Amino acid sequence: MNVELTADQRAFVQRAIESGRFSREEEAVQEALALWEERERRRLEILAMLDEADASLARGEGIPITEESMKSLAEHVKQRLRRRIAAERSSTSR
């Protein structure tokens, strides 16, 4: 497969090679593809989570967002964080 890069892309790859990040152009392309694959995996995971959230809402499992529900959620998160910090402090002070 032959890939034509723009002048800016070629310069970018060349700088990466000169800096020692890569030794060959192919390595830069392989790295780019690996990052693209990872991003695509994450995108699909997010889409699956959104589908599950939609299904959950359709089953009536959602929580209405109100000022009170947001305050309650924030308080719950704060309590969990405080417990985590306390646990970490007690485990490091031993």
PDB file of N, CA and C in Angstrom:
ATOM      1  N   MET A   1       0.838  -1.164   0.000  1.00  0.00           N
ATOM      2  CA  MET A   1       0.000   0.000   0.000  1.00  0.00           C
ATOM      3  C   MET A   1       0.890   1.236   0.000  1.00  0.00           C
ATOM      4  N   ASN A   2       0.569   2.171  -0.858  1.00  0.00           N
ATOM      5  CA  ASN A   2       1.289   3.436  -0.889  1.00  0.00           C
ATOM      6  C   ASN A   2       0.376   4.518  -0.336  1.00  0.00           C
ATOM      7  N   VAL A   3       0.941   5.342   0.515  1.00  0.00           N
ATOM      8  CA  VAL A   3       0.179   6.423   1.122  1.00  0.00           C
ATOM      9  C   VAL A   3       0.877   7.732   0.803  1.00  0.00           C
ATOM     10  N   GLU A   4       0.126   8.670   0.286  1.00  0.00           N
ATOM     11  CA  GLU A   4       0.678   9.994  -0.010  1.00  0.00           C
ATOM     12  C   GLU A   4       0.373  10.930   1.149  1.00  0.00           C
ATOM     13  N   LEU A   5       1.395  11.468   1.760  1.00  0.00           N
ATOM     14  CA  LEU A   5       1.232  12.420   2.848  1.00  0.00           C
ATOM     15  C   LEU A   5       1.325  13.834   2.304  1.00  0.00           C
ATOM     16  N   THR A   6       0.688  14.748   3.026  1.00  0.00           N
ATOM     17  CA  THR A   6       0.842  16.154   2.661  1.00  0.00           C
ATOM     18  C   THR A   6       2.245  16.592   3.049  1.00  0.00           C
ATOM     19  N   ALA A   7       2.647  17.730   2.575  1.00  0.00           N
ATOM     20  CA  ALA A   7       3.977  18.251   2.917  1.00  0.00           C
ATOM     21  C   ALA A   7       4.106  18.442   4.429  1.00  0.00           C
ATOM     22  N   ASP A   8       3.054  18.941   5.061  1.00  0.00           N
ATOM     23  CA  ASP A   8       3.081  19.134   6.515  1.00  0.00           C
ATOM     24  C   ASP A   8       3.199  17.800   7.246  1.00  0.00           C
ATOM     25  N   GLN A   9       2.480  16.795   6.770  1.00  0.00           N
ATOM     26  CA  GLN A   9       2.557  15.478   7.395  1.00  0.00           C
ATOM     27  C   GLN A   9       3.939  14.869   7.235  1.00  0.00           C
ATOM     28  N   ARG A  10       4.515  14.997   6.047  1.00  0.00           N
ATOM     29  CA  ARG A  10       5.875  14.481   5.824  1.00  0.00           C
ATOM     30  C   ARG A  10       6.866  15.169   6.757  1.00  0.00           C
ATOM     31  N   ALA A  11       6.737  16.491   6.894  1.00  0.00           N
ATOM     32  CA  ALA A  11       7.632  17.236   7.777  1.00  0.00           C
ATOM     33  C   ALA A  11       7.453  16.793   9.228  1.00  0.00           C
ATOM     34  N   PHE A  12       6.221  16.554   9.620  1.00  0.00           N
ATOM     35  CA  PHE A  12       5.924  16.103  10.979  1.00  0.00           C
ATOM     36  C   PHE A  12       6.601  14.758  11.252  1.00  0.00           C
ATOM     37  N   VAL A  13       6.460  13.835  10.320  1.00  0.00           N
ATOM     38  CA  VAL A  13       7.083  12.515  10.459  1.00  0.00           C
ATOM     39  C   VAL A  13       8.605  12.656  10.472  1.00  0.00           C
ATOM     40  N   GLN A  14       9.127  13.495   9.602  1.00  0.00           N
ATOM     41  CA  GLN A  14      10.575  13.690   9.535  1.00  0.00           C
ATOM     42  C   GLN A  14      11.120  14.239  10.860  1.00  0.00           C
ATOM     43  N   ARG A  15      10.405  15.185  11.448  1.00  0.00           N
ATOM     44  CA  ARG A  15      10.839  15.725  12.753  1.00  0.00           C
ATOM     45  C   ARG A  15      10.830  14.629  13.818  1.00  0.00           C
ATOM     46  N   ALA A  16       9.828  13.756  13.775  1.00  0.00           N
ATOM     47  CA  ALA A  16       9.760  12.660  14.744  1.00  0.00           C
ATOM     48  C   ALA A  16      10.933  11.699  14.565  1.00  0.00           C
ATOM     49  N   ILE A  17      11.316  11.452  13.326  1.00  0.00           N
ATOM     50  CA  ILE A  17      12.457  10.583  13.056  1.00  0.00           C
ATOM     51  C   ILE A  17      13.749  11.253  13.527  1.00  0.00           C
ATOM     52  N   GLU A  18      13.906  12.530  13.210  1.00  0.00           N
ATOM     53  CA  GLU A  18      15.113  13.256  13.609  1.00  0.00           C
ATOM     54  C   GLU A  18      15.247  13.350  15.122  1.00  0.00           C
ATOM     55  N   SER A  19      14.118  13.405  15.822  1.00  0.00           N
ATOM     56  CA  SER A  19      14.176  13.500  17.283  1.00  0.00           C
ATOM     57  C   SER A  19      14.433  12.145  17.940  1.00  0.00           C
ATOM     58  N   GLY A  20      14.387  11.073  17.134  1.00  0.00           N
ATOM     59  CA  GLY A  20      14.604   9.743  17.682  1.00  0.00           C
ATOM     60  C   GLY A  20      13.329   9.032  18.094  1.00  0.00           C
ATOM     61  N   ARG A  21      12.212   9.685  17.924  1.00  0.00           N
ATOM     62  CA  ARG A  21      10.914   9.066  18.290  1.00  0.00           C
ATOM     63  C   ARG A  21      10.672   7.819  17.446  1.00  0.00           C
ATOM     64  N   PHE A  22      10.994   7.893  16.178  1.00  0.00           N
ATOM     65  CA  PHE A  22      10.869   6.766  15.255  1.00  0.00           C
ATOM     66  C   PHE A  22      12.161   6.658  14.463  1.00  0.00           C
ATOM     67  N   SER A  23      12.420   5.456  13.945  1.00  0.00           N
ATOM     68  CA  SER A  23      13.613   5.303  13.106  1.00  0.00           C
ATOM     69  C   SER A  23      13.238   5.231  11.632  1.00  0.00           C
ATOM     70  N   ARG A  24      11.953   4.935  11.351  1.00  0.00           N
ATOM     71  CA  ARG A  24      11.512   4.825   9.965  1.00  0.00           C
ATOM     72  C   ARG A  24      10.115   5.421   9.825  1.00  0.00           C
ATOM     73  N   GLU A  25       9.766   5.820   8.628  1.00  0.00           N
ATOM     74  CA  GLU A  25       8.438   6.368   8.355  1.00  0.00           C
ATOM     75  C   GLU A  25       7.347   5.352   8.671  1.00  0.00           C
ATOM     76  N   GLU A  26       7.617   4.085   8.379  1.00  0.00           N
ATOM     77  CA  GLU A  26       6.636   3.033   8.617  1.00  0.00           C
ATOM     78  C   GLU A  26       6.238   2.955  10.086  1.00  0.00           C
ATOM     79  N   GLU A  27       7.203   3.178  10.964  1.00  0.00           N
ATOM     80  CA  GLU A  27       6.902   3.141  12.393  1.00  0.00           C
ATOM     81  C   GLU A  27       5.912   4.248  12.764  1.00  0.00           C
ATOM     82  N   ALA A  28       6.092   5.412  12.180  1.00  0.00           N
ATOM     83  CA  ALA A  28       5.180   6.525  12.452  1.00  0.00           C
ATOM     84  C   ALA A  28       3.771   6.193  11.972  1.00  0.00           C
ATOM     85  N   VAL A  29       3.667   5.586  10.803  1.00  0.00           N
ATOM     86  CA  VAL A  29       2.357   5.213  10.260  1.00  0.00           C
ATOM     87  C   VAL A  29       1.730   4.122  11.128  1.00  0.00           C
ATOM     88  N   GLN A  30       2.521   3.158  11.562  1.00  0.00           N
ATOM     89  CA  GLN A  30       2.002   2.096  12.429  1.00  0.00           C
ATOM     90  C   GLN A  30       1.488   2.675  13.747  1.00  0.00           C
ATOM     91  N   GLU A  31       2.226   3.619  14.303  1.00  0.00           N
ATOM     92  CA  GLU A  31       1.803   4.279  15.547  1.00  0.00           C
ATOM     93  C   GLU A  31       0.493   5.028  15.329  1.00  0.00           C
ATOM     94  N   ALA A  32       0.391   5.728  14.220  1.00  0.00           N
ATOM     95  CA  ALA A  32      -0.832   6.466  13.911  1.00  0.00           C
ATOM     96  C   ALA A  32      -2.021   5.524  13.790  1.00  0.00           C
ATOM     97  N   LEU A  33      -1.818   4.394  13.118  1.00  0.00           N
ATOM     98  CA  LEU A  33      -2.902   3.421  12.970  1.00  0.00           C
ATOM     99  C   LEU A  33      -3.292   2.796  14.309  1.00  0.00           C
ATOM    100  N   ALA A  34      -2.307   2.530  15.153  1.00  0.00           N
ATOM    101  CA  ALA A  34      -2.602   1.967  16.475  1.00  0.00           C
ATOM    102  C   ALA A  34      -3.437   2.951  17.291  1.00  0.00           C
ATOM    103  N   LEU A  35      -3.084   4.226  17.232  1.00  0.00           N
ATOM    104  CA  LEU A  35      -3.857   5.236  17.950  1.00  0.00           C
ATOM    105  C   LEU A  35      -5.266   5.359  17.383  1.00  0.00           C
ATOM    106  N   TRP A  36      -5.381   5.270  16.088  1.00  0.00           N
ATOM    107  CA  TRP A  36      -6.689   5.327  15.441  1.00  0.00           C
ATOM    108  C   TRP A  36      -7.555   4.137  15.882  1.00  0.00           C
ATOM    109  N   GLU A  37      -6.939   2.948  15.906  1.00  0.00           N
ATOM    110  CA  GLU A  37      -7.659   1.760  16.352  1.00  0.00           C
ATOM    111  C   GLU A  37      -8.145   1.919  17.790  1.00  0.00           C
ATOM    112  N   GLU A  38      -7.288   2.417  18.654  1.00  0.00           N
ATOM    113  CA  GLU A  38      -7.666   2.617  20.059  1.00  0.00           C
ATOM    114  C   GLU A  38      -8.801   3.626  20.165  1.00  0.00           C
ATOM    115  N   ARG A  39      -8.718   4.704  19.430  1.00  0.00           N
ATOM    116  CA  ARG A  39      -9.778   5.712  19.446  1.00  0.00           C
ATOM    117  C   ARG A  39     -11.086   5.121  18.948  1.00  0.00           C
ATOM    118  N   GLU A  40     -11.018   4.287  17.935  1.00  0.00           N
ATOM    119  CA  GLU A  40     -12.227   3.649  17.402  1.00  0.00           C
ATOM    120  C   GLU A  40     -12.833   2.687  18.421  1.00  0.00           C
ATOM    121  N   ARG A  41     -11.979   1.928  19.130  1.00  0.00           N
ATOM    122  CA  ARG A  41     -12.474   1.039  20.184  1.00  0.00           C
ATOM    123  C   ARG A  41     -13.206   1.837  21.252  1.00  0.00           C
ATOM    124  N   ARG A  42     -12.596   2.938  21.679  1.00  0.00           N
ATOM    125  CA  ARG A  42     -13.233   3.791  22.700  1.00  0.00           C
ATOM    126  C   ARG A  42     -14.547   4.358  22.190  1.00  0.00           C
ATOM    127  N   ARG A  43     -14.567   4.786  20.928  1.00  0.00           N
ATOM    128  CA  ARG A  43     -15.795   5.345  20.355  1.00  0.00           C
ATOM    129  C   ARG A  43     -16.909   4.305  20.375  1.00  0.00           C
ATOM    130  N   LEU A  44     -16.573   3.064  19.997  1.00  0.00           N
ATOM    131  CA  LEU A  44     -17.574   2.007  20.003  1.00  0.00           C
ATOM    132  C   LEU A  44     -18.046   1.683  21.417  1.00  0.00           C
ATOM    133  N   GLU A  45     -17.131   1.727  22.383  1.00  0.00           N
ATOM    134  CA  GLU A  45     -17.523   1.511  23.780  1.00  0.00           C
ATOM    135  C   GLU A  45     -18.488   2.591  24.246  1.00  0.00           C
ATOM    136  N   ILE A  46     -18.199   3.830  23.884  1.00  0.00           N
ATOM    137  CA  ILE A  46     -19.077   4.941  24.269  1.00  0.00           C
ATOM    138  C   ILE A  46     -20.449   4.778  23.627  1.00  0.00           C
ATOM    139  N   LEU A  47     -20.473   4.405  22.354  1.00  0.00           N
ATOM    140  CA  LEU A  47     -21.753   4.190  21.674  1.00  0.00           C
ATOM    141  C   LEU A  47     -22.540   3.067  22.342  1.00  0.00           C
ATOM    142  N   ALA A  48     -21.860   2.004  22.745  1.00  0.00           N
ATOM    143  CA  ALA A  48     -22.527   0.895  23.434  1.00  0.00           C
ATOM    144  C   ALA A  48     -23.085   1.366  24.779  1.00  0.00           C
ATOM    145  N   MET A  49     -22.331   2.187  25.490  1.00  0.00           N
ATOM    146  CA  MET A  49     -22.818   2.719  26.766  1.00  0.00           C
ATOM    147  C   MET A  49     -24.034   3.614  26.553  1.00  0.00           C
ATOM    148  N   LEU A  50     -24.010   4.413  25.485  1.00  0.00           N
ATOM    149  CA  LEU A  50     -25.164   5.258  25.179  1.00  0.00           C
ATOM    150  C   LEU A  50     -26.386   4.414  24.846  1.00  0.00           C
ATOM    151  N   ASP A  51     -26.177   3.345  24.081  1.00  0.00           N
ATOM    152  CA  ASP A  51     -27.291   2.440  23.767  1.00  0.00           C
ATOM    153  C   ASP A  51     -27.865   1.837  25.046  1.00  0.00           C
ATOM    154  N   GLU A  52     -26.993   1.422  25.947  1.00  0.00           N
ATOM    155  CA  GLU A  52     -27.452   0.854  27.215  1.00  0.00           C
ATOM    156  C   GLU A  52     -28.181   1.907  28.045  1.00  0.00           C
ATOM    157  N   ALA A  53     -27.686   3.127  28.052  1.00  0.00           N
ATOM    158  CA  ALA A  53     -28.354   4.195  28.790  1.00  0.00           C
ATOM    159  C   ALA A  53     -29.739   4.468  28.207  1.00  0.00           C
ATOM    160  N   ASP A  54     -29.836   4.480  26.883  1.00  0.00           N
ATOM    161  CA  ASP A  54     -31.140   4.672  26.233  1.00  0.00           C
ATOM    162  C   ASP A  54     -32.098   3.543  26.612  1.00  0.00           C
ATOM    163  N   ALA A  55     -31.603   2.322  26.596  1.00  0.00           N
ATOM    164  CA  ALA A  55     -32.445   1.175  26.948  1.00  0.00           C
ATOM    165  C   ALA A  55     -32.884   1.270  28.412  1.00  0.00           C
ATOM    166  N   SER A  56     -31.971   1.694  29.273  1.00  0.00           N
ATOM    167  CA  SER A  56     -32.287   1.856  30.682  1.00  0.00           C
ATOM    168  C   SER A  56     -33.388   2.903  30.871  1.00  0.00           C
ATOM    169  N   LEU A  57     -33.266   4.000  30.161  1.00  0.00           N
ATOM    170  CA  LEU A  57     -34.303   5.042  30.239  1.00  0.00           C
ATOM    171  C   LEU A  57     -35.634   4.528  29.705  1.00  0.00           C
ATOM    172  N   ALA A  58     -35.575   3.751  28.632  1.00  0.00           N
ATOM    173  CA  ALA A  58     -36.806   3.194  28.055  1.00  0.00           C
ATOM    174  C   ALA A  58     -37.490   2.248  29.040  1.00  0.00           C
ATOM    175  N   ARG A  59     -36.707   1.584  29.896  1.00  0.00           N
ATOM    176  CA  ARG A  59     -37.274   0.686  30.910  1.00  0.00           C
ATOM    177  C   ARG A  59     -37.754   1.454  32.140  1.00  0.00           C
ATOM    178  N   GLY A  60     -37.588   2.779  32.122  1.00  0.00           N
ATOM    179  CA  GLY A  60     -38.025   3.596  33.259  1.00  0.00           C
ATOM    180  C   GLY A  60     -37.039   3.611  34.401  1.00  0.00           C
ATOM    181  N   GLU A  61     -35.791   3.283  34.130  1.00  0.00           N
ATOM    182  CA  GLU A  61     -34.783   3.207  35.189  1.00  0.00           C
ATOM    183  C   GLU A  61     -34.010   4.517  35.381  1.00  0.00           C
ATOM    184  N   GLY A  62     -34.385   5.528  34.660  1.00  0.00           N
ATOM    185  CA  GLY A  62     -33.664   6.793  34.763  1.00  0.00           C
ATOM    186  C   GLY A  62     -34.019   7.563  36.017  1.00  0.00           C
ATOM    187  N   ILE A  63     -33.198   8.522  36.344  1.00  0.00           N
ATOM    188  CA  ILE A  63     -33.442   9.412  37.479  1.00  0.00           C
ATOM    189  C   ILE A  63     -33.670  10.808  36.915  1.00  0.00           C
ATOM    190  N   PRO A  64     -34.803  11.417  37.243  1.00  0.00           N
ATOM    191  CA  PRO A  64     -35.037  12.776  36.743  1.00  0.00           C
ATOM    192  C   PRO A  64     -33.960  13.734  37.261  1.00  0.00           C
ATOM    193  N   ILE A  65     -33.484  14.599  36.405  1.00  0.00           N
ATOM    194  CA  ILE A  65     -32.477  15.570  36.805  1.00  0.00           C
ATOM    195  C   ILE A  65     -33.187  16.819  37.303  1.00  0.00           C
ATOM    196  N   THR A  66     -33.025  17.043  38.571  1.00  0.00           N
ATOM    197  CA  THR A  66     -33.576  18.241  39.205  1.00  0.00           C
ATOM    198  C   THR A  66     -32.467  18.871  40.026  1.00  0.00           C
ATOM    199  N   GLU A  67     -32.712  20.036  40.516  1.00  0.00           N
ATOM    200  CA  GLU A  67     -31.715  20.684  41.363  1.00  0.00           C
ATOM    201  C   GLU A  67     -31.443  19.821  42.594  1.00  0.00           C
ATOM    202  N   GLU A  68     -32.496  19.251  43.148  1.00  0.00           N
ATOM    203  CA  GLU A  68     -32.341  18.417  44.345  1.00  0.00           C
ATOM    204  C   GLU A  68     -31.583  17.125  44.033  1.00  0.00           C
ATOM    205  N   SER A  69     -31.894  16.479  42.896  1.00  0.00           N
ATOM    206  CA  SER A  69     -31.185  15.234  42.566  1.00  0.00           C
ATOM    207  C   SER A  69     -29.704  15.507  42.300  1.00  0.00           C
ATOM    208  N   MET A  70     -29.391  16.647  41.718  1.00  0.00           N
ATOM    209  CA  MET A  70     -27.989  16.993  41.474  1.00  0.00           C
ATOM    210  C   MET A  70     -27.254  17.263  42.775  1.00  0.00           C
ATOM    211  N   LYS A  71     -27.911  17.936  43.711  1.00  0.00           N
ATOM    212  CA  LYS A  71     -27.287  18.171  45.026  1.00  0.00           C
ATOM    213  C   LYS A  71     -27.039  16.849  45.742  1.00  0.00           C
ATOM    214  N   SER A  72     -28.013  15.935  45.649  1.00  0.00           N
ATOM    215  CA  SER A  72     -27.876  14.635  46.280  1.00  0.00           C
ATOM    216  C   SER A  72     -26.723  13.848  45.661  1.00  0.00           C
ATOM    217  N   LEU A  73     -26.637  13.880  44.329  1.00  0.00           N
ATOM    218  CA  LEU A  73     -25.544  13.194  43.643  1.00  0.00           C
ATOM    219  C   LEU A  73     -24.194  13.782  44.042  1.00  0.00           C
ATOM    220  N   ALA A  74     -24.101  15.100  44.083  1.00  0.00           N
ATOM    221  CA  ALA A  74     -22.844  15.749  44.462  1.00  0.00           C
ATOM    222  C   ALA A  74     -22.451  15.363  45.891  1.00  0.00           C
ATOM    223  N   GLU A  75     -23.413  15.307  46.780  1.00  0.00           N
ATOM    224  CA  GLU A  75     -23.119  14.922  48.166  1.00  0.00           C
ATOM    225  C   GLU A  75     -22.659  13.471  48.233  1.00  0.00           C
ATOM    226  N   HIS A  76     -23.290  12.612  47.481  1.00  0.00           N
ATOM    227  CA  HIS A  76     -22.892  11.200  47.435  1.00  0.00           C
ATOM    228  C   HIS A  76     -21.445  11.059  46.935  1.00  0.00           C
ATOM    229  N   VAL A  77     -21.111  11.786  45.874  1.00  0.00           N
ATOM    230  CA  VAL A  77     -19.751  11.738  45.314  1.00  0.00           C
ATOM    231  C   VAL A  77     -18.745  12.257  46.334  1.00  0.00           C
ATOM    232  N   LYS A  78     -19.070  13.339  47.022  1.00  0.00           N
ATOM    233  CA  LYS A  78     -18.169  13.897  48.050  1.00  0.00           C
ATOM    234  C   LYS A  78     -17.924  12.874  49.158  1.00  0.00           C
ATOM    235  N   GLN A  79     -18.986  12.205  49.601  1.00  0.00           N
ATOM    236  CA  GLN A  79     -18.833  11.210  50.662  1.00  0.00           C
ATOM    237  C   GLN A  79     -17.939  10.058  50.215  1.00  0.00           C
ATOM    238  N   ARG A  80     -18.141   9.586  48.980  1.00  0.00           N
ATOM    239  CA  ARG A  80     -17.296   8.509  48.469  1.00  0.00           C
ATOM    240  C   ARG A  80     -15.836   8.947  48.404  1.00  0.00           C
ATOM    241  N   LEU A  81     -15.598  10.175  47.955  1.00  0.00           N
ATOM    242  CA  LEU A  81     -14.233  10.688  47.862  1.00  0.00           C
ATOM    243  C   LEU A  81     -13.603  10.815  49.243  1.00  0.00           C
ATOM    244  N   ARG A  82     -14.369  11.307  50.196  1.00  0.00           N
ATOM    245  CA  ARG A  82     -13.841  11.426  51.569  1.00  0.00           C
ATOM    246  C   ARG A  82     -13.468  10.056  52.126  1.00  0.00           C
ATOM    247  N   ARG A  83     -14.321   9.044  51.880  1.00  0.00           N
ATOM    248  CA  ARG A  83     -14.007   7.691  52.361  1.00  0.00           C
ATOM    249  C   ARG A  83     -12.752   7.150  51.690  1.00  0.00           C
ATOM    250  N   ARG A  84     -12.613   7.398  50.394  1.00  0.00           N
ATOM    251  CA  ARG A  84     -11.434   6.925  49.663  1.00  0.00           C
ATOM    252  C   ARG A  84     -10.169   7.583  50.195  1.00  0.00           C
ATOM    253  N   ILE A  85     -10.228   8.897  50.410  1.00  0.00           N
ATOM    254  CA  ILE A  85      -9.060   9.619  50.932  1.00  0.00           C
ATOM    255  C   ILE A  85      -8.695   9.096  52.314  1.00  0.00           C
ATOM    256  N   ALA A  86      -9.705   8.885  53.168  1.00  0.00           N
ATOM    257  CA  ALA A  86      -9.444   8.368  54.513  1.00  0.00           C
ATOM    258  C   ALA A  86      -8.817   6.982  54.448  1.00  0.00           C
ATOM    259  N   ALA A  87      -9.311   6.145  53.545  1.00  0.00           N
ATOM    260  CA  ALA A  87      -8.752   4.797  53.412  1.00  0.00           C
ATOM    261  C   ALA A  87      -7.312   4.850  52.920  1.00  0.00           C
ATOM    262  N   GLU A  88      -7.035   5.729  51.970  1.00  0.00           N
ATOM    263  CA  GLU A  88      -5.674   5.854  51.461  1.00  0.00           C
ATOM    264  C   GLU A  88      -4.728   6.372  52.521  1.00  0.00           C
ATOM    265  N   ARG A  89      -5.188   7.332  53.311  1.00  0.00           N
ATOM    266  CA  ARG A  89      -4.353   7.877  54.389  1.00  0.00           C
ATOM    267  C   ARG A  89      -4.048   6.812  55.438  1.00  0.00           C
ATOM    268  N   SER A  90      -5.045   6.018  55.777  1.00  0.00           N
ATOM    269  CA  SER A  90      -4.824   4.997  56.794  1.00  0.00           C
ATOM    270  C   SER A  90      -3.917   3.884  56.285  1.00  0.00           C
ATOM    271  N   SER A  91      -3.967   3.588  54.989  1.00  0.00           N
ATOM    272  CA  SER A  91      -3.104   2.537  54.453  1.00  0.00           C
ATOM    273  C   SER A  91      -1.673   3.013  54.264  1.00  0.00           C
ATOM    274  N   THR A  92      -1.453   4.310  54.029  1.00  0.00           N
ATOM    275  CA  THR A  92      -0.087   4.813  53.856  1.00  0.00           C
ATOM    276  C   THR A  92       0.565   5.177  55.188  1.00  0.00           C
ATOM    277  N   SER A  93      -0.221   5.344  56.239  1.00  0.00           N
ATOM    278  CA  SER A  93       0.365   5.735  57.523  1.00  0.00           C
ATOM    279  C   SER A  93       0.806   4.527  58.332  1.00  0.00           C
ATOM    280  N   ARG A  94       0.607   3.348  57.799  1.00  0.00           N
ATOM    281  CA  ARG A  94       0.997   2.111  58.513  1.00  0.00           C
ATOM    282  C   ARG A  94       2.425   1.779  58.304  1.00  0.00           C
TER     283      ARG A  94
END
